[in-house]
């Protein structure tokens, strides 16, 4: 587990700086995206993230928005990740390869970040996200070159176990960081 939980918020910034700040945060996590606040006067966003081995675990909350990884940005070397997204609040619409997938609380979506895609969230959403480097999957024999987006339920079965594990790992990481900080004082 990383000894650091990183946090970022756009709260208190001007609308233009909010978009730039959020763009910078996403770039640091998994690549460049076009961001649109969908006619809103601001983009209120917050992310907490940590690293476990080579995985990035994130808790994300963001007001209405649209993010897009466009064809013009589509170079797999710039987005060498698979994301596993657990929708915990709100509704999002994911589009990739001509498919539109609705995500509601309790849904899980695994997808290749390097392929052009769009996510539209018409209102506040919360997600717990695992960002997996493709090289890690390849080392374990998974052939990601032909991976298309896959929606699963995180309400029952394996999806529920996976979500509970990710949630617990992130919470445990936050507790460990807090404990280390207390010991240093």
N, C-alpha and C. Protein backbone atom coordinates (compact mmCIF):
# COMPACT_ATOMS: atom_id res chain seq x y z
N UNK A 1 0.85 -1.17 0.00
CA UNK A 1 0.00 0.00 0.00
C UNK A 1 0.89 1.23 0.00
N UNK A 2 0.50 2.20 -0.76
CA UNK A 2 1.23 3.47 -0.78
C UNK A 2 1.13 4.13 0.59
N UNK A 3 2.10 4.92 0.94
CA UNK A 3 2.01 5.63 2.22
C UNK A 3 1.39 7.01 2.04
N UNK A 4 0.75 7.23 0.91
CA UNK A 4 0.16 8.54 0.62
C UNK A 4 -1.21 8.38 -0.02
N UNK A 5 -2.15 9.17 0.48
CA UNK A 5 -3.44 9.33 -0.20
C UNK A 5 -3.44 10.74 -0.73
N UNK A 6 -3.55 10.89 -2.02
CA UNK A 6 -3.57 12.19 -2.67
C UNK A 6 -5.01 12.67 -2.77
N UNK A 7 -5.20 13.96 -2.58
CA UNK A 7 -6.54 14.55 -2.68
C UNK A 7 -6.46 15.80 -3.53
N UNK A 8 -7.51 16.02 -4.28
CA UNK A 8 -7.60 17.21 -5.10
C UNK A 8 -9.06 17.62 -5.18
N UNK A 9 -9.31 18.91 -5.11
CA UNK A 9 -10.66 19.42 -5.28
C UNK A 9 -10.61 20.68 -6.15
N UNK A 10 -11.68 20.91 -6.87
CA UNK A 10 -11.78 22.12 -7.69
C UNK A 10 -12.54 23.22 -6.95
N UNK A 11 -13.01 22.91 -5.76
CA UNK A 11 -13.78 23.86 -4.98
C UNK A 11 -12.99 25.14 -4.73
N UNK A 12 -13.66 26.27 -4.92
CA UNK A 12 -13.04 27.56 -4.66
C UNK A 12 -12.27 28.15 -5.83
N UNK A 13 -12.11 27.39 -6.91
CA UNK A 13 -11.41 27.90 -8.09
C UNK A 13 -12.39 28.56 -9.05
N UNK A 14 -11.89 29.42 -9.91
CA UNK A 14 -12.74 30.01 -10.95
C UNK A 14 -13.16 28.89 -11.91
N UNK A 15 -14.29 29.06 -12.60
CA UNK A 15 -14.75 28.01 -13.52
C UNK A 15 -13.69 27.56 -14.53
N UNK A 16 -12.95 28.48 -15.09
CA UNK A 16 -11.91 28.12 -16.06
C UNK A 16 -10.80 27.30 -15.38
N UNK A 17 -10.41 27.72 -14.18
CA UNK A 17 -9.37 27.00 -13.46
C UNK A 17 -9.86 25.64 -12.97
N UNK A 18 -11.17 25.51 -12.69
CA UNK A 18 -11.72 24.22 -12.30
C UNK A 18 -11.52 23.19 -13.40
N UNK A 19 -11.82 23.58 -14.62
CA UNK A 19 -11.68 22.66 -15.75
C UNK A 19 -10.21 22.31 -15.96
N UNK A 20 -9.33 23.29 -15.87
CA UNK A 20 -7.90 23.01 -16.04
C UNK A 20 -7.37 22.12 -14.92
N UNK A 21 -7.78 22.38 -13.71
CA UNK A 21 -7.35 21.58 -12.56
C UNK A 21 -7.82 20.13 -12.71
N UNK A 22 -9.07 19.95 -13.12
CA UNK A 22 -9.62 18.60 -13.29
C UNK A 22 -8.92 17.89 -14.46
N UNK A 23 -8.67 18.62 -15.52
CA UNK A 23 -7.95 18.05 -16.66
C UNK A 23 -6.55 17.59 -16.24
N UNK A 24 -5.86 18.41 -15.46
CA UNK A 24 -4.53 18.04 -14.97
C UNK A 24 -4.58 16.79 -14.09
N UNK A 25 -5.59 16.72 -13.23
CA UNK A 25 -5.73 15.56 -12.34
C UNK A 25 -5.95 14.29 -13.15
N UNK A 26 -6.84 14.34 -14.14
CA UNK A 26 -7.10 13.16 -14.96
C UNK A 26 -5.87 12.76 -15.76
N UNK A 27 -5.14 13.76 -16.27
CA UNK A 27 -3.92 13.48 -17.03
C UNK A 27 -2.92 12.74 -16.15
N UNK A 28 -2.76 13.18 -14.91
CA UNK A 28 -1.84 12.51 -14.00
C UNK A 28 -2.28 11.08 -13.70
N UNK A 29 -3.57 10.84 -13.64
CA UNK A 29 -4.06 9.51 -13.30
C UNK A 29 -4.05 8.54 -14.48
N UNK A 30 -4.54 9.00 -15.65
CA UNK A 30 -4.68 8.02 -16.73
C UNK A 30 -4.70 8.59 -18.14
N UNK A 31 -4.41 9.86 -18.35
CA UNK A 31 -4.33 10.39 -19.71
C UNK A 31 -5.16 11.64 -19.91
N UNK A 32 -4.98 12.26 -21.08
CA UNK A 32 -5.67 13.51 -21.39
C UNK A 32 -7.08 13.28 -21.92
N UNK A 33 -7.98 14.16 -21.48
CA UNK A 33 -9.38 14.10 -21.89
C UNK A 33 -9.89 15.50 -22.15
N UNK A 34 -10.88 15.61 -23.01
CA UNK A 34 -11.61 16.86 -23.19
C UNK A 34 -12.69 16.88 -22.11
N UNK A 35 -12.86 18.02 -21.45
CA UNK A 35 -13.81 18.13 -20.35
C UNK A 35 -14.80 19.25 -20.65
N UNK A 36 -16.09 18.96 -20.44
CA UNK A 36 -17.16 19.92 -20.68
C UNK A 36 -18.10 19.88 -19.48
N UNK A 37 -18.35 21.03 -18.80
CA UNK A 37 -19.26 21.02 -17.65
C UNK A 37 -20.75 21.02 -18.02
N UNK A 38 -21.06 20.83 -19.28
CA UNK A 38 -22.46 20.70 -19.74
C UNK A 38 -23.36 21.87 -19.32
N UNK A 39 -23.04 23.05 -19.74
CA UNK A 39 -23.85 24.24 -19.49
C UNK A 39 -23.89 24.67 -18.03
N UNK A 40 -23.20 23.98 -17.15
CA UNK A 40 -23.14 24.40 -15.75
C UNK A 40 -22.17 25.57 -15.62
N UNK A 41 -22.36 26.37 -14.61
CA UNK A 41 -21.47 27.53 -14.41
C UNK A 41 -20.15 27.14 -13.76
N UNK A 42 -20.08 25.90 -13.23
CA UNK A 42 -18.83 25.45 -12.60
C UNK A 42 -18.71 23.94 -12.71
N UNK A 43 -17.51 23.44 -12.40
CA UNK A 43 -17.24 22.00 -12.38
C UNK A 43 -16.71 21.68 -10.99
N UNK A 44 -17.60 21.21 -10.14
CA UNK A 44 -17.21 20.85 -8.78
C UNK A 44 -16.76 19.40 -8.80
N UNK A 45 -15.49 19.17 -8.47
CA UNK A 45 -14.95 17.82 -8.55
C UNK A 45 -13.99 17.58 -7.39
N UNK A 46 -13.91 16.30 -7.00
CA UNK A 46 -13.01 15.89 -5.93
C UNK A 46 -12.52 14.49 -6.23
N UNK A 47 -11.24 14.25 -5.99
CA UNK A 47 -10.69 12.91 -6.14
C UNK A 47 -9.73 12.64 -4.99
N UNK A 48 -9.81 11.44 -4.45
CA UNK A 48 -8.83 10.92 -3.50
C UNK A 48 -8.28 9.66 -4.16
N UNK A 49 -6.96 9.50 -4.14
CA UNK A 49 -6.40 8.30 -4.76
C UNK A 49 -5.11 7.88 -4.07
N UNK A 50 -4.84 6.60 -4.21
CA UNK A 50 -3.63 6.01 -3.67
C UNK A 50 -3.17 4.93 -4.63
N UNK A 51 -1.99 4.43 -4.40
CA UNK A 51 -1.44 3.37 -5.24
C UNK A 51 -1.24 2.12 -4.41
N UNK A 52 -1.65 0.99 -4.96
CA UNK A 52 -1.42 -0.31 -4.36
C UNK A 52 -0.66 -1.11 -5.40
N UNK A 53 0.61 -1.40 -5.11
CA UNK A 53 1.48 -2.03 -6.10
C UNK A 53 1.47 -1.12 -7.33
N UNK A 54 1.00 -1.62 -8.47
CA UNK A 54 0.95 -0.78 -9.68
C UNK A 54 -0.48 -0.35 -10.02
N UNK A 55 -1.41 -0.63 -9.14
CA UNK A 55 -2.80 -0.22 -9.34
C UNK A 55 -3.03 1.14 -8.70
N UNK A 56 -3.90 1.94 -9.32
CA UNK A 56 -4.33 3.20 -8.71
C UNK A 56 -5.78 3.00 -8.27
N UNK A 57 -6.05 3.31 -7.00
CA UNK A 57 -7.41 3.24 -6.46
C UNK A 57 -7.89 4.65 -6.25
N UNK A 58 -9.08 4.97 -6.78
CA UNK A 58 -9.59 6.34 -6.73
C UNK A 58 -11.02 6.38 -6.22
N UNK A 59 -11.33 7.43 -5.50
CA UNK A 59 -12.71 7.77 -5.17
C UNK A 59 -12.94 9.14 -5.80
N UNK A 60 -13.93 9.20 -6.69
CA UNK A 60 -14.15 10.40 -7.49
C UNK A 60 -15.59 10.88 -7.30
N UNK A 61 -15.73 12.19 -7.13
CA UNK A 61 -17.05 12.82 -7.07
C UNK A 61 -16.99 14.03 -7.99
N UNK A 62 -17.95 14.16 -8.89
CA UNK A 62 -17.92 15.29 -9.82
C UNK A 62 -19.35 15.68 -10.22
N UNK A 63 -19.55 16.99 -10.35
CA UNK A 63 -20.85 17.52 -10.79
C UNK A 63 -21.07 17.16 -12.26
N UNK A 64 -22.20 17.58 -12.79
CA UNK A 64 -22.52 17.25 -14.18
C UNK A 64 -21.35 17.58 -15.09
N UNK A 65 -21.09 16.68 -16.04
CA UNK A 65 -19.94 16.88 -16.92
C UNK A 65 -19.94 15.85 -18.05
N UNK A 66 -19.05 16.10 -18.96
CA UNK A 66 -18.78 15.16 -20.06
C UNK A 66 -17.27 15.10 -20.19
N UNK A 67 -16.71 13.88 -20.20
CA UNK A 67 -15.30 13.73 -20.53
C UNK A 67 -15.22 12.90 -21.79
N UNK A 68 -14.24 13.21 -22.61
CA UNK A 68 -14.09 12.49 -23.87
C UNK A 68 -12.63 12.24 -24.17
N UNK A 69 -12.35 11.02 -24.56
CA UNK A 69 -11.05 10.67 -25.13
C UNK A 69 -11.35 10.52 -26.62
N UNK A 70 -10.98 11.53 -27.38
CA UNK A 70 -11.39 11.62 -28.78
C UNK A 70 -10.47 10.82 -29.70
N UNK A 71 -10.93 10.61 -30.91
CA UNK A 71 -10.15 9.91 -31.93
C UNK A 71 -8.81 10.59 -32.13
N UNK A 72 -8.80 11.92 -32.09
CA UNK A 72 -7.55 12.65 -32.31
C UNK A 72 -6.53 12.42 -31.19
N UNK A 73 -7.01 11.99 -30.03
CA UNK A 73 -6.11 11.70 -28.90
C UNK A 73 -5.79 10.21 -28.79
N UNK A 74 -6.41 9.40 -29.62
CA UNK A 74 -6.36 7.94 -29.46
C UNK A 74 -5.03 7.33 -29.90
N UNK A 75 -4.08 7.38 -29.02
CA UNK A 75 -2.82 6.65 -29.19
C UNK A 75 -2.68 5.80 -27.94
N UNK A 76 -2.71 4.49 -28.10
CA UNK A 76 -2.74 3.60 -26.94
C UNK A 76 -1.56 3.81 -26.01
N UNK A 77 -0.45 4.29 -26.54
CA UNK A 77 0.71 4.51 -25.69
C UNK A 77 0.47 5.63 -24.67
N UNK A 78 -0.51 6.51 -24.95
CA UNK A 78 -0.80 7.61 -24.04
C UNK A 78 -1.83 7.26 -22.98
N UNK A 79 -2.57 6.21 -23.15
CA UNK A 79 -3.60 5.78 -22.21
C UNK A 79 -3.47 4.26 -22.00
N UNK A 80 -2.34 3.77 -21.54
CA UNK A 80 -2.13 2.32 -21.47
C UNK A 80 -2.79 1.68 -20.23
N UNK A 81 -4.09 1.92 -20.09
CA UNK A 81 -4.80 1.45 -18.90
C UNK A 81 -6.12 0.79 -19.25
N UNK A 82 -6.54 -0.06 -18.34
CA UNK A 82 -7.91 -0.56 -18.30
C UNK A 82 -8.48 0.01 -17.01
N UNK A 83 -9.67 0.58 -17.09
CA UNK A 83 -10.33 1.11 -15.91
C UNK A 83 -11.46 0.17 -15.50
N UNK A 84 -11.57 0.00 -14.21
CA UNK A 84 -12.72 -0.71 -13.64
C UNK A 84 -13.43 0.33 -12.78
N UNK A 85 -14.60 0.73 -13.22
CA UNK A 85 -15.35 1.82 -12.61
C UNK A 85 -16.58 1.26 -11.90
N UNK A 86 -16.71 1.56 -10.62
CA UNK A 86 -17.89 1.18 -9.84
C UNK A 86 -18.72 2.45 -9.63
N UNK A 87 -19.91 2.49 -10.19
CA UNK A 87 -20.81 3.65 -10.05
C UNK A 87 -21.45 3.54 -8.67
N UNK A 88 -21.28 4.57 -7.82
CA UNK A 88 -21.85 4.51 -6.48
C UNK A 88 -22.95 5.55 -6.25
N UNK A 89 -23.02 6.58 -7.10
CA UNK A 89 -24.10 7.56 -7.01
C UNK A 89 -24.30 8.19 -8.38
N UNK A 90 -25.56 8.49 -8.69
CA UNK A 90 -25.89 9.16 -9.94
C UNK A 90 -25.93 8.20 -11.12
N UNK A 91 -26.14 8.79 -12.29
CA UNK A 91 -26.23 8.03 -13.54
C UNK A 91 -25.20 8.59 -14.52
N UNK A 92 -24.53 7.69 -15.23
CA UNK A 92 -23.58 8.08 -16.27
C UNK A 92 -23.90 7.31 -17.53
N UNK A 93 -23.51 7.87 -18.66
CA UNK A 93 -23.69 7.22 -19.95
C UNK A 93 -22.33 7.09 -20.61
N UNK A 94 -21.91 5.87 -20.84
CA UNK A 94 -20.61 5.57 -21.43
C UNK A 94 -20.82 5.22 -22.89
N UNK A 95 -20.02 5.81 -23.78
CA UNK A 95 -20.12 5.51 -25.21
C UNK A 95 -18.74 5.15 -25.74
N UNK A 96 -18.68 4.01 -26.46
CA UNK A 96 -17.43 3.56 -27.08
C UNK A 96 -17.79 2.57 -28.19
N UNK A 97 -17.14 2.71 -29.32
CA UNK A 97 -17.34 1.80 -30.45
C UNK A 97 -18.81 1.68 -30.84
N UNK A 98 -19.54 2.79 -30.81
CA UNK A 98 -20.94 2.79 -31.22
C UNK A 98 -21.90 2.22 -30.19
N UNK A 99 -21.39 1.84 -29.03
CA UNK A 99 -22.24 1.30 -27.95
C UNK A 99 -22.48 2.37 -26.90
N UNK A 100 -23.68 2.40 -26.37
CA UNK A 100 -24.02 3.32 -25.27
C UNK A 100 -24.46 2.45 -24.09
N UNK A 101 -23.80 2.66 -22.95
CA UNK A 101 -24.06 1.86 -21.76
C UNK A 101 -24.47 2.80 -20.63
N UNK A 102 -25.63 2.55 -20.05
CA UNK A 102 -26.10 3.34 -18.91
C UNK A 102 -25.55 2.72 -17.62
N UNK A 103 -24.99 3.57 -16.76
CA UNK A 103 -24.45 3.12 -15.49
C UNK A 103 -25.21 3.77 -14.35
N UNK A 104 -25.66 2.93 -13.42
CA UNK A 104 -26.38 3.40 -12.24
C UNK A 104 -25.68 2.85 -11.01
N UNK A 105 -26.03 3.36 -9.82
CA UNK A 105 -25.40 2.83 -8.62
C UNK A 105 -25.52 1.31 -8.55
N UNK A 106 -24.40 0.66 -8.27
CA UNK A 106 -24.36 -0.79 -8.24
C UNK A 106 -23.86 -1.42 -9.52
N UNK A 107 -23.59 -0.59 -10.53
CA UNK A 107 -23.04 -1.10 -11.79
C UNK A 107 -21.52 -0.97 -11.78
N UNK A 108 -20.90 -1.84 -12.54
CA UNK A 108 -19.45 -1.85 -12.71
C UNK A 108 -19.17 -1.86 -14.21
N UNK A 109 -18.18 -1.11 -14.63
CA UNK A 109 -17.81 -1.08 -16.04
C UNK A 109 -16.30 -1.24 -16.14
N UNK A 110 -15.87 -2.19 -16.96
CA UNK A 110 -14.45 -2.36 -17.27
C UNK A 110 -14.27 -1.98 -18.73
N UNK A 111 -13.25 -1.13 -19.01
CA UNK A 111 -13.05 -0.69 -20.39
C UNK A 111 -11.60 -0.27 -20.63
N UNK A 112 -11.26 -0.28 -21.90
CA UNK A 112 -9.93 0.11 -22.36
C UNK A 112 -9.91 1.63 -22.52
N UNK A 113 -9.11 2.30 -21.71
CA UNK A 113 -9.05 3.76 -21.73
C UNK A 113 -8.44 4.28 -23.02
N UNK A 114 -7.60 3.49 -23.68
CA UNK A 114 -6.91 3.97 -24.89
C UNK A 114 -7.85 4.12 -26.09
N UNK A 115 -8.95 3.42 -26.11
CA UNK A 115 -9.91 3.53 -27.22
C UNK A 115 -10.78 4.77 -27.01
N UNK A 116 -11.09 5.48 -28.09
CA UNK A 116 -11.94 6.67 -27.94
C UNK A 116 -13.23 6.33 -27.20
N UNK A 117 -13.60 7.20 -26.28
CA UNK A 117 -14.83 7.00 -25.52
C UNK A 117 -15.29 8.33 -24.92
N UNK A 118 -16.53 8.32 -24.48
CA UNK A 118 -17.14 9.48 -23.85
C UNK A 118 -17.92 9.01 -22.64
N UNK A 119 -17.87 9.79 -21.57
CA UNK A 119 -18.71 9.54 -20.40
C UNK A 119 -19.46 10.82 -20.11
N UNK A 120 -20.78 10.73 -20.09
CA UNK A 120 -21.64 11.87 -19.80
C UNK A 120 -22.36 11.59 -18.49
N UNK A 121 -22.25 12.53 -17.56
CA UNK A 121 -22.95 12.44 -16.28
C UNK A 121 -23.79 13.71 -16.14
N UNK A 122 -25.12 13.60 -16.31
CA UNK A 122 -25.96 14.79 -16.31
C UNK A 122 -26.17 15.43 -14.94
N UNK A 123 -25.74 14.76 -13.87
CA UNK A 123 -25.84 15.30 -12.52
C UNK A 123 -24.67 14.75 -11.71
N UNK A 124 -24.59 15.12 -10.44
CA UNK A 124 -23.51 14.67 -9.57
C UNK A 124 -23.37 13.15 -9.61
N UNK A 125 -22.14 12.69 -9.73
CA UNK A 125 -21.86 11.25 -9.70
C UNK A 125 -20.71 10.97 -8.74
N UNK A 126 -20.72 9.74 -8.25
CA UNK A 126 -19.59 9.24 -7.46
C UNK A 126 -19.19 7.90 -8.04
N UNK A 127 -17.87 7.69 -8.08
CA UNK A 127 -17.32 6.45 -8.61
C UNK A 127 -16.18 6.00 -7.71
N UNK A 128 -15.99 4.70 -7.64
CA UNK A 128 -14.77 4.13 -7.11
C UNK A 128 -14.12 3.46 -8.31
N UNK A 129 -12.85 3.76 -8.54
CA UNK A 129 -12.20 3.35 -9.78
C UNK A 129 -10.88 2.66 -9.49
N UNK A 130 -10.62 1.60 -10.23
CA UNK A 130 -9.31 0.94 -10.22
C UNK A 130 -8.71 1.16 -11.60
N UNK A 131 -7.50 1.72 -11.65
CA UNK A 131 -6.81 1.95 -12.91
C UNK A 131 -5.69 0.92 -12.99
N UNK A 132 -5.80 0.05 -13.99
CA UNK A 132 -4.90 -1.08 -14.14
C UNK A 132 -4.00 -0.88 -15.36
N UNK A 133 -2.69 -0.86 -15.18
CA UNK A 133 -1.80 -0.75 -16.34
C UNK A 133 -1.96 -1.99 -17.24
N UNK A 134 -2.04 -1.77 -18.53
CA UNK A 134 -2.18 -2.89 -19.47
C UNK A 134 -1.01 -3.86 -19.38
N UNK A 135 0.19 -3.33 -19.11
CA UNK A 135 1.35 -4.22 -19.03
C UNK A 135 1.19 -5.22 -17.89
N UNK A 136 0.51 -4.83 -16.82
CA UNK A 136 0.25 -5.75 -15.71
C UNK A 136 -0.68 -6.88 -16.15
N UNK A 137 -1.69 -6.53 -16.93
CA UNK A 137 -2.60 -7.55 -17.46
C UNK A 137 -1.87 -8.48 -18.42
N UNK A 138 -1.04 -7.89 -19.26
CA UNK A 138 -0.29 -8.68 -20.24
C UNK A 138 0.66 -9.66 -19.53
N UNK A 139 1.30 -9.20 -18.46
CA UNK A 139 2.19 -10.08 -17.69
C UNK A 139 1.46 -11.29 -17.13
N UNK A 140 0.17 -11.14 -16.92
CA UNK A 140 -0.64 -12.22 -16.36
C UNK A 140 -1.42 -12.99 -17.43
N UNK A 141 -1.06 -12.76 -18.69
CA UNK A 141 -1.63 -13.54 -19.78
C UNK A 141 -2.95 -13.04 -20.33
N UNK A 142 -3.40 -11.87 -19.90
CA UNK A 142 -4.64 -11.31 -20.41
C UNK A 142 -4.36 -10.56 -21.69
N UNK A 143 -5.07 -10.87 -22.75
CA UNK A 143 -4.88 -10.21 -24.05
C UNK A 143 -5.90 -9.09 -24.19
N UNK A 144 -5.48 -7.88 -23.85
CA UNK A 144 -6.37 -6.74 -23.80
C UNK A 144 -6.58 -6.06 -25.14
N UNK A 145 -5.85 -6.43 -26.19
CA UNK A 145 -5.95 -5.72 -27.46
C UNK A 145 -7.38 -5.71 -28.02
N UNK A 146 -8.16 -6.70 -27.72
CA UNK A 146 -9.52 -6.78 -28.25
C UNK A 146 -10.59 -6.60 -27.18
N UNK A 147 -10.23 -5.95 -26.11
CA UNK A 147 -11.19 -5.78 -25.01
C UNK A 147 -12.22 -4.72 -25.36
N UNK A 148 -13.48 -5.10 -25.33
CA UNK A 148 -14.54 -4.11 -25.47
C UNK A 148 -15.15 -3.90 -24.09
N UNK A 149 -15.80 -2.75 -23.92
CA UNK A 149 -16.37 -2.40 -22.62
C UNK A 149 -17.30 -3.50 -22.14
N UNK A 150 -17.24 -3.75 -20.85
CA UNK A 150 -18.03 -4.82 -20.24
C UNK A 150 -18.71 -4.29 -18.98
N UNK A 151 -20.04 -4.32 -18.97
CA UNK A 151 -20.81 -3.89 -17.80
C UNK A 151 -21.19 -5.10 -16.98
N UNK A 152 -20.98 -4.99 -15.66
CA UNK A 152 -21.32 -6.05 -14.72
C UNK A 152 -22.09 -5.45 -13.55
N UNK A 153 -22.75 -6.31 -12.81
CA UNK A 153 -23.39 -5.86 -11.59
C UNK A 153 -22.38 -5.93 -10.44
N UNK A 154 -22.36 -4.88 -9.64
CA UNK A 154 -21.54 -4.90 -8.42
C UNK A 154 -22.45 -5.07 -7.20
N UNK A 155 -23.69 -5.47 -7.45
CA UNK A 155 -24.65 -5.67 -6.37
C UNK A 155 -24.60 -7.08 -5.80
N UNK A 156 -24.22 -8.05 -6.64
CA UNK A 156 -24.22 -9.45 -6.21
C UNK A 156 -23.01 -10.17 -6.79
N UNK A 157 -22.76 -11.35 -6.28
CA UNK A 157 -21.75 -12.24 -6.85
C UNK A 157 -20.35 -11.66 -6.86
N UNK A 158 -19.62 -12.02 -7.91
CA UNK A 158 -18.22 -11.62 -8.05
C UNK A 158 -18.06 -10.11 -8.12
N UNK A 159 -18.97 -9.42 -8.78
CA UNK A 159 -18.91 -7.97 -8.86
C UNK A 159 -19.01 -7.33 -7.49
N UNK A 160 -19.87 -7.86 -6.64
CA UNK A 160 -20.01 -7.34 -5.27
C UNK A 160 -18.74 -7.59 -4.47
N UNK A 161 -18.18 -8.77 -4.60
CA UNK A 161 -16.93 -9.09 -3.90
C UNK A 161 -15.82 -8.16 -4.35
N UNK A 162 -15.71 -7.93 -5.66
CA UNK A 162 -14.67 -7.05 -6.19
C UNK A 162 -14.85 -5.63 -5.66
N UNK A 163 -16.09 -5.11 -5.69
CA UNK A 163 -16.32 -3.75 -5.20
C UNK A 163 -16.02 -3.64 -3.71
N UNK A 164 -16.48 -4.60 -2.93
CA UNK A 164 -16.21 -4.58 -1.49
C UNK A 164 -14.70 -4.60 -1.22
N UNK A 165 -13.97 -5.39 -2.00
CA UNK A 165 -12.52 -5.47 -1.84
C UNK A 165 -11.86 -4.13 -2.16
N UNK A 166 -12.24 -3.52 -3.29
CA UNK A 166 -11.66 -2.23 -3.69
C UNK A 166 -11.98 -1.17 -2.64
N UNK A 167 -13.23 -1.13 -2.20
CA UNK A 167 -13.64 -0.15 -1.20
C UNK A 167 -12.86 -0.35 0.10
N UNK A 168 -12.76 -1.58 0.56
CA UNK A 168 -12.04 -1.87 1.80
C UNK A 168 -10.54 -1.56 1.66
N UNK A 169 -9.95 -1.87 0.51
CA UNK A 169 -8.53 -1.59 0.31
C UNK A 169 -8.26 -0.10 0.36
N UNK A 170 -9.13 0.69 -0.27
CA UNK A 170 -8.94 2.14 -0.24
C UNK A 170 -9.12 2.66 1.18
N UNK A 171 -10.16 2.23 1.86
CA UNK A 171 -10.39 2.69 3.23
C UNK A 171 -9.24 2.29 4.15
N UNK A 172 -8.73 1.08 3.99
CA UNK A 172 -7.60 0.62 4.80
C UNK A 172 -6.36 1.46 4.50
N UNK A 173 -6.17 1.80 3.25
CA UNK A 173 -5.05 2.67 2.88
C UNK A 173 -5.15 4.03 3.53
N UNK A 174 -6.34 4.60 3.56
CA UNK A 174 -6.55 5.90 4.21
C UNK A 174 -6.28 5.80 5.71
N UNK A 175 -6.74 4.71 6.33
CA UNK A 175 -6.49 4.52 7.76
C UNK A 175 -5.00 4.38 8.04
N UNK A 176 -4.29 3.64 7.21
CA UNK A 176 -2.85 3.46 7.40
C UNK A 176 -2.09 4.77 7.27
N UNK A 177 -2.47 5.60 6.30
CA UNK A 177 -1.84 6.90 6.13
C UNK A 177 -2.10 7.77 7.36
N UNK A 178 -3.34 7.78 7.83
CA UNK A 178 -3.68 8.58 9.01
C UNK A 178 -2.89 8.11 10.23
N UNK A 179 -2.75 6.80 10.39
CA UNK A 179 -1.99 6.25 11.51
C UNK A 179 -0.51 6.64 11.42
N UNK A 180 0.06 6.58 10.24
CA UNK A 180 1.46 6.99 10.05
C UNK A 180 1.65 8.46 10.40
N UNK A 181 0.70 9.28 10.01
CA UNK A 181 0.78 10.72 10.33
C UNK A 181 0.71 10.94 11.83
N UNK A 182 -0.18 10.21 12.52
CA UNK A 182 -0.28 10.35 13.97
C UNK A 182 1.03 9.96 14.66
N UNK A 183 1.66 8.90 14.18
CA UNK A 183 2.91 8.43 14.78
C UNK A 183 4.05 9.42 14.59
N UNK A 184 4.04 10.16 13.50
CA UNK A 184 5.11 11.13 13.22
C UNK A 184 5.02 12.34 14.12
N UNK A 185 3.86 12.61 14.67
CA UNK A 185 3.67 13.81 15.51
C UNK A 185 4.26 13.66 16.85
